[in-house]
Amino acid sequence: MAWISLTLAGLLEVVWAFYMKQSHGFTRLTPSIITLVAMFASFGLLSFSMRSLPLGTAYTIWTGIGAVGAFVVGLMVLGEPANLLRIVAAGLIVSGLILMKMAS
């Protein structure tokens, strides 16, 4: 259950990062509310998962899912550039997440 919670927390991190961008510095109400609700839920699920997972593992996986997820959303939804170096960097993050999961 901790891993499912952690995965959902990471996905919600992607949601709040995207909507924070859409809020234009918290000047738009609906994206700002979505950002805050997703943040609260993400932190709550992360906290729940930390009851049974080590801090280093939980936090690394959470931030990794958020980082790679935000990168993918940036590419696919926001039209951000996809150059080789950025793709390799994202691949290295995913590799680190896999190794962290295997070590747990």
N, C-alpha and C. Protein backbone atom coordinates (compact mmCIF):
# COMPACT_ATOMS: atom_id res chain seq x y z
N MET A 1 0.82 -1.20 0.00
CA MET A 1 0.00 0.00 0.00
C MET A 1 0.86 1.27 0.00
N ALA A 2 2.02 1.20 0.65
CA ALA A 2 2.90 2.36 0.71
C ALA A 2 3.39 2.74 -0.68
N TRP A 3 3.71 1.74 -1.50
CA TRP A 3 4.21 2.04 -2.84
C TRP A 3 3.12 2.64 -3.73
N ILE A 4 1.90 2.17 -3.56
CA ILE A 4 0.78 2.73 -4.33
C ILE A 4 0.56 4.19 -3.91
N SER A 5 0.57 4.43 -2.61
CA SER A 5 0.41 5.81 -2.10
C SER A 5 1.53 6.71 -2.60
N LEU A 6 2.74 6.18 -2.59
CA LEU A 6 3.88 6.96 -3.05
C LEU A 6 3.77 7.29 -4.54
N THR A 7 3.34 6.33 -5.33
CA THR A 7 3.16 6.57 -6.76
C THR A 7 2.10 7.63 -7.00
N LEU A 8 0.98 7.52 -6.30
CA LEU A 8 -0.07 8.53 -6.44
C LEU A 8 0.41 9.90 -5.99
N ALA A 9 1.20 9.94 -4.92
CA ALA A 9 1.77 11.21 -4.44
C ALA A 9 2.65 11.83 -5.52
N GLY A 10 3.46 11.01 -6.18
CA GLY A 10 4.32 11.50 -7.25
C GLY A 10 3.52 12.02 -8.44
N LEU A 11 2.46 11.32 -8.79
CA LEU A 11 1.62 11.77 -9.90
C LEU A 11 0.91 13.08 -9.55
N LEU A 12 0.49 13.21 -8.30
CA LEU A 12 -0.12 14.46 -7.88
C LEU A 12 0.89 15.61 -7.86
N GLU A 13 2.15 15.28 -7.66
CA GLU A 13 3.19 16.31 -7.76
C GLU A 13 3.25 16.86 -9.18
N VAL A 14 3.09 15.99 -10.15
CA VAL A 14 3.05 16.44 -11.55
C VAL A 14 1.84 17.35 -11.78
N VAL A 15 0.70 16.96 -11.22
CA VAL A 15 -0.52 17.75 -11.36
C VAL A 15 -0.32 19.15 -10.78
N TRP A 16 0.22 19.21 -9.54
CA TRP A 16 0.35 20.56 -8.95
C TRP A 16 1.42 21.38 -9.64
N ALA A 17 2.45 20.75 -10.15
CA ALA A 17 3.46 21.51 -10.88
C ALA A 17 2.87 22.11 -12.16
N PHE A 18 2.09 21.31 -12.88
CA PHE A 18 1.46 21.80 -14.11
C PHE A 18 0.50 22.95 -13.81
N TYR A 19 -0.35 22.75 -12.82
CA TYR A 19 -1.33 23.79 -12.52
C TYR A 19 -0.70 25.02 -11.87
N MET A 20 0.42 24.85 -11.20
CA MET A 20 1.12 26.03 -10.70
C MET A 20 1.59 26.88 -11.88
N LYS A 21 2.08 26.23 -12.92
CA LYS A 21 2.48 26.95 -14.13
C LYS A 21 1.27 27.67 -14.74
N GLN A 22 0.13 26.96 -14.76
CA GLN A 22 -1.09 27.53 -15.33
C GLN A 22 -1.68 28.65 -14.49
N SER A 23 -1.31 28.71 -13.21
CA SER A 23 -1.87 29.74 -12.32
C SER A 23 -1.24 31.11 -12.55
N HIS A 24 -0.13 31.14 -13.31
CA HIS A 24 0.58 32.40 -13.58
C HIS A 24 0.90 33.15 -12.29
N GLY A 25 1.62 32.44 -11.41
CA GLY A 25 2.02 33.06 -10.14
C GLY A 25 0.86 33.24 -9.18
N PHE A 26 -0.06 32.30 -9.19
CA PHE A 26 -1.25 32.32 -8.32
C PHE A 26 -2.13 33.54 -8.58
N THR A 27 -2.18 33.98 -9.82
CA THR A 27 -3.05 35.10 -10.18
C THR A 27 -4.35 34.62 -10.83
N ARG A 28 -4.45 33.33 -11.14
CA ARG A 28 -5.67 32.75 -11.72
C ARG A 28 -6.26 31.79 -10.69
N LEU A 29 -7.53 31.98 -10.35
CA LEU A 29 -8.15 31.29 -9.23
C LEU A 29 -8.23 29.77 -9.39
N THR A 30 -8.83 29.28 -10.46
CA THR A 30 -9.04 27.84 -10.59
C THR A 30 -7.74 27.05 -10.60
N PRO A 31 -6.75 27.42 -11.43
CA PRO A 31 -5.49 26.68 -11.37
C PRO A 31 -4.81 26.79 -10.00
N SER A 32 -4.97 27.91 -9.34
CA SER A 32 -4.37 28.08 -8.01
C SER A 32 -4.99 27.12 -7.01
N ILE A 33 -6.32 26.98 -7.05
CA ILE A 33 -7.01 26.06 -6.15
C ILE A 33 -6.60 24.62 -6.44
N ILE A 34 -6.56 24.25 -7.71
CA ILE A 34 -6.14 22.89 -8.08
C ILE A 34 -4.72 22.63 -7.60
N THR A 35 -3.85 23.61 -7.74
CA THR A 35 -2.46 23.47 -7.26
C THR A 35 -2.44 23.17 -5.78
N LEU A 36 -3.14 23.95 -4.99
CA LEU A 36 -3.11 23.79 -3.54
C LEU A 36 -3.73 22.47 -3.09
N VAL A 37 -4.83 22.06 -3.71
CA VAL A 37 -5.46 20.79 -3.36
C VAL A 37 -4.55 19.62 -3.72
N ALA A 38 -3.96 19.67 -4.91
CA ALA A 38 -3.05 18.60 -5.33
C ALA A 38 -1.81 18.55 -4.45
N MET A 39 -1.29 19.72 -4.04
CA MET A 39 -0.14 19.75 -3.13
C MET A 39 -0.48 19.09 -1.81
N PHE A 40 -1.60 19.47 -1.25
CA PHE A 40 -2.03 18.92 0.03
C PHE A 40 -2.17 17.40 -0.05
N ALA A 41 -2.83 16.93 -1.11
CA ALA A 41 -3.02 15.49 -1.28
C ALA A 41 -1.70 14.78 -1.51
N SER A 42 -0.81 15.38 -2.29
CA SER A 42 0.49 14.78 -2.57
C SER A 42 1.31 14.65 -1.29
N PHE A 43 1.37 15.72 -0.50
CA PHE A 43 2.11 15.67 0.76
C PHE A 43 1.50 14.66 1.72
N GLY A 44 0.17 14.60 1.75
CA GLY A 44 -0.49 13.63 2.63
C GLY A 44 -0.16 12.20 2.26
N LEU A 45 -0.20 11.89 0.97
CA LEU A 45 0.14 10.53 0.52
C LEU A 45 1.61 10.22 0.73
N LEU A 46 2.48 11.21 0.53
CA LEU A 46 3.90 11.02 0.80
C LEU A 46 4.11 10.71 2.28
N SER A 47 3.45 11.46 3.13
CA SER A 47 3.57 11.26 4.57
C SER A 47 3.09 9.85 4.95
N PHE A 48 1.98 9.43 4.37
CA PHE A 48 1.46 8.08 4.64
C PHE A 48 2.47 7.01 4.22
N SER A 49 3.06 7.18 3.05
CA SER A 49 4.00 6.17 2.57
C SER A 49 5.26 6.12 3.42
N MET A 50 5.62 7.26 4.02
CA MET A 50 6.82 7.30 4.87
C MET A 50 6.64 6.56 6.20
N ARG A 51 5.43 6.16 6.50
CA ARG A 51 5.22 5.35 7.70
C ARG A 51 5.96 4.02 7.61
N SER A 52 6.07 3.50 6.38
CA SER A 52 6.71 2.19 6.25
C SER A 52 7.91 2.18 5.29
N LEU A 53 8.10 3.24 4.54
CA LEU A 53 9.26 3.30 3.64
C LEU A 53 10.32 4.22 4.23
N PRO A 54 11.59 3.94 3.95
CA PRO A 54 12.65 4.83 4.43
C PRO A 54 12.52 6.22 3.81
N LEU A 55 12.91 7.23 4.56
CA LEU A 55 12.85 8.62 4.10
C LEU A 55 13.54 8.79 2.75
N GLY A 56 14.78 8.33 2.64
CA GLY A 56 15.55 8.52 1.42
C GLY A 56 14.89 7.89 0.20
N THR A 57 14.34 6.72 0.39
CA THR A 57 13.66 6.03 -0.71
C THR A 57 12.38 6.77 -1.09
N ALA A 58 11.53 7.05 -0.11
CA ALA A 58 10.24 7.68 -0.39
C ALA A 58 10.43 9.05 -1.05
N TYR A 59 11.31 9.86 -0.49
CA TYR A 59 11.48 11.21 -1.01
C TYR A 59 12.11 11.19 -2.41
N THR A 60 13.06 10.31 -2.61
CA THR A 60 13.70 10.21 -3.93
C THR A 60 12.71 9.77 -4.99
N ILE A 61 11.92 8.76 -4.69
CA ILE A 61 10.93 8.28 -5.66
C ILE A 61 9.89 9.36 -5.94
N TRP A 62 9.42 10.02 -4.89
CA TRP A 62 8.41 11.08 -5.03
C TRP A 62 8.92 12.21 -5.92
N THR A 63 10.10 12.71 -5.63
CA THR A 63 10.63 13.81 -6.44
C THR A 63 10.98 13.35 -7.85
N GLY A 64 11.43 12.10 -7.99
CA GLY A 64 11.76 11.58 -9.32
C GLY A 64 10.54 11.46 -10.21
N ILE A 65 9.44 10.92 -9.64
CA ILE A 65 8.20 10.83 -10.41
C ILE A 65 7.76 12.23 -10.81
N GLY A 66 7.84 13.15 -9.88
CA GLY A 66 7.45 14.53 -10.17
C GLY A 66 8.32 15.17 -11.23
N ALA A 67 9.62 14.97 -11.13
CA ALA A 67 10.55 15.58 -12.09
C ALA A 67 10.35 15.03 -13.49
N VAL A 68 10.32 13.73 -13.61
CA VAL A 68 10.17 13.12 -14.94
C VAL A 68 8.77 13.38 -15.48
N GLY A 69 7.77 13.28 -14.61
CA GLY A 69 6.40 13.55 -15.04
C GLY A 69 6.23 14.98 -15.53
N ALA A 70 6.79 15.93 -14.79
CA ALA A 70 6.70 17.34 -15.21
C ALA A 70 7.45 17.55 -16.52
N PHE A 71 8.57 16.87 -16.68
CA PHE A 71 9.33 16.95 -17.93
C PHE A 71 8.47 16.46 -19.10
N VAL A 72 7.82 15.32 -18.93
CA VAL A 72 6.99 14.75 -20.00
C VAL A 72 5.80 15.66 -20.30
N VAL A 73 5.14 16.16 -19.25
CA VAL A 73 4.01 17.07 -19.46
C VAL A 73 4.49 18.35 -20.17
N GLY A 74 5.66 18.83 -19.78
CA GLY A 74 6.21 20.00 -20.46
C GLY A 74 6.42 19.76 -21.94
N LEU A 75 6.94 18.59 -22.27
CA LEU A 75 7.15 18.25 -23.68
C LEU A 75 5.83 18.10 -24.44
N MET A 76 4.94 17.29 -23.86
CA MET A 76 3.74 16.88 -24.59
C MET A 76 2.61 17.91 -24.56
N VAL A 77 2.48 18.63 -23.47
CA VAL A 77 1.36 19.55 -23.33
C VAL A 77 1.77 21.00 -23.57
N LEU A 78 2.92 21.37 -23.06
CA LEU A 78 3.35 22.77 -23.15
C LEU A 78 4.29 23.06 -24.31
N GLY A 79 4.67 22.02 -25.05
CA GLY A 79 5.51 22.22 -26.22
C GLY A 79 6.94 22.64 -25.91
N GLU A 80 7.44 22.24 -24.74
CA GLU A 80 8.82 22.57 -24.39
C GLU A 80 9.79 21.77 -25.25
N PRO A 81 11.01 22.27 -25.42
CA PRO A 81 11.96 21.60 -26.31
C PRO A 81 12.41 20.24 -25.78
N ALA A 82 12.60 19.32 -26.72
CA ALA A 82 13.07 17.97 -26.39
C ALA A 82 14.41 17.75 -27.08
N ASN A 83 15.48 18.19 -26.42
CA ASN A 83 16.79 17.93 -27.02
C ASN A 83 17.41 16.69 -26.38
N LEU A 84 18.45 16.20 -26.99
CA LEU A 84 19.06 14.95 -26.56
C LEU A 84 19.52 14.99 -25.11
N LEU A 85 20.13 16.06 -24.70
CA LEU A 85 20.65 16.16 -23.34
C LEU A 85 19.53 16.10 -22.30
N ARG A 86 18.42 16.76 -22.56
CA ARG A 86 17.28 16.72 -21.64
C ARG A 86 16.70 15.31 -21.56
N ILE A 87 16.62 14.63 -22.69
CA ILE A 87 16.08 13.27 -22.71
C ILE A 87 17.00 12.31 -21.96
N VAL A 88 18.29 12.44 -22.16
CA VAL A 88 19.27 11.61 -21.44
C VAL A 88 19.16 11.87 -19.94
N ALA A 89 19.03 13.13 -19.55
CA ALA A 89 18.91 13.47 -18.13
C ALA A 89 17.67 12.82 -17.52
N ALA A 90 16.55 12.88 -18.22
CA ALA A 90 15.33 12.24 -17.73
C ALA A 90 15.51 10.73 -17.63
N GLY A 91 16.20 10.15 -18.61
CA GLY A 91 16.48 8.71 -18.57
C GLY A 91 17.33 8.33 -17.37
N LEU A 92 18.28 9.17 -17.04
CA LEU A 92 19.11 8.91 -15.86
C LEU A 92 18.29 8.98 -14.57
N ILE A 93 17.36 9.90 -14.52
CA ILE A 93 16.48 9.98 -13.35
C ILE A 93 15.66 8.70 -13.22
N VAL A 94 15.09 8.25 -14.34
CA VAL A 94 14.30 7.01 -14.32
C VAL A 94 15.18 5.83 -13.91
N SER A 95 16.40 5.77 -14.40
CA SER A 95 17.33 4.71 -14.01
C SER A 95 17.58 4.74 -12.50
N GLY A 96 17.75 5.93 -11.95
CA GLY A 96 17.95 6.07 -10.53
C GLY A 96 16.73 5.62 -9.73
N LEU A 97 15.54 5.91 -10.23
CA LEU A 97 14.31 5.47 -9.57
C LEU A 97 14.21 3.96 -9.54
N ILE A 98 14.55 3.34 -10.66
CA ILE A 98 14.52 1.87 -10.73
C ILE A 98 15.51 1.26 -9.75
N LEU A 99 16.71 1.81 -9.71
CA LEU A 99 17.72 1.31 -8.76
C LEU A 99 17.28 1.52 -7.31
N MET A 100 16.66 2.65 -7.03
CA MET A 100 16.20 2.92 -5.67
C MET A 100 15.11 1.92 -5.27
N LYS A 101 14.20 1.63 -6.17
CA LYS A 101 13.15 0.64 -5.89
C LYS A 101 13.75 -0.73 -5.68
N MET A 102 14.72 -1.10 -6.50
CA MET A 102 15.37 -2.41 -6.36
C MET A 102 16.12 -2.52 -5.05
N ALA A 103 16.66 -1.42 -4.56
CA ALA A 103 17.43 -1.44 -3.32
C ALA A 103 16.53 -1.50 -2.09
N SER A 104 15.25 -1.21 -2.27
CA SER A 104 14.35 -1.19 -1.11
C SER A 104 13.79 -2.56 -0.89
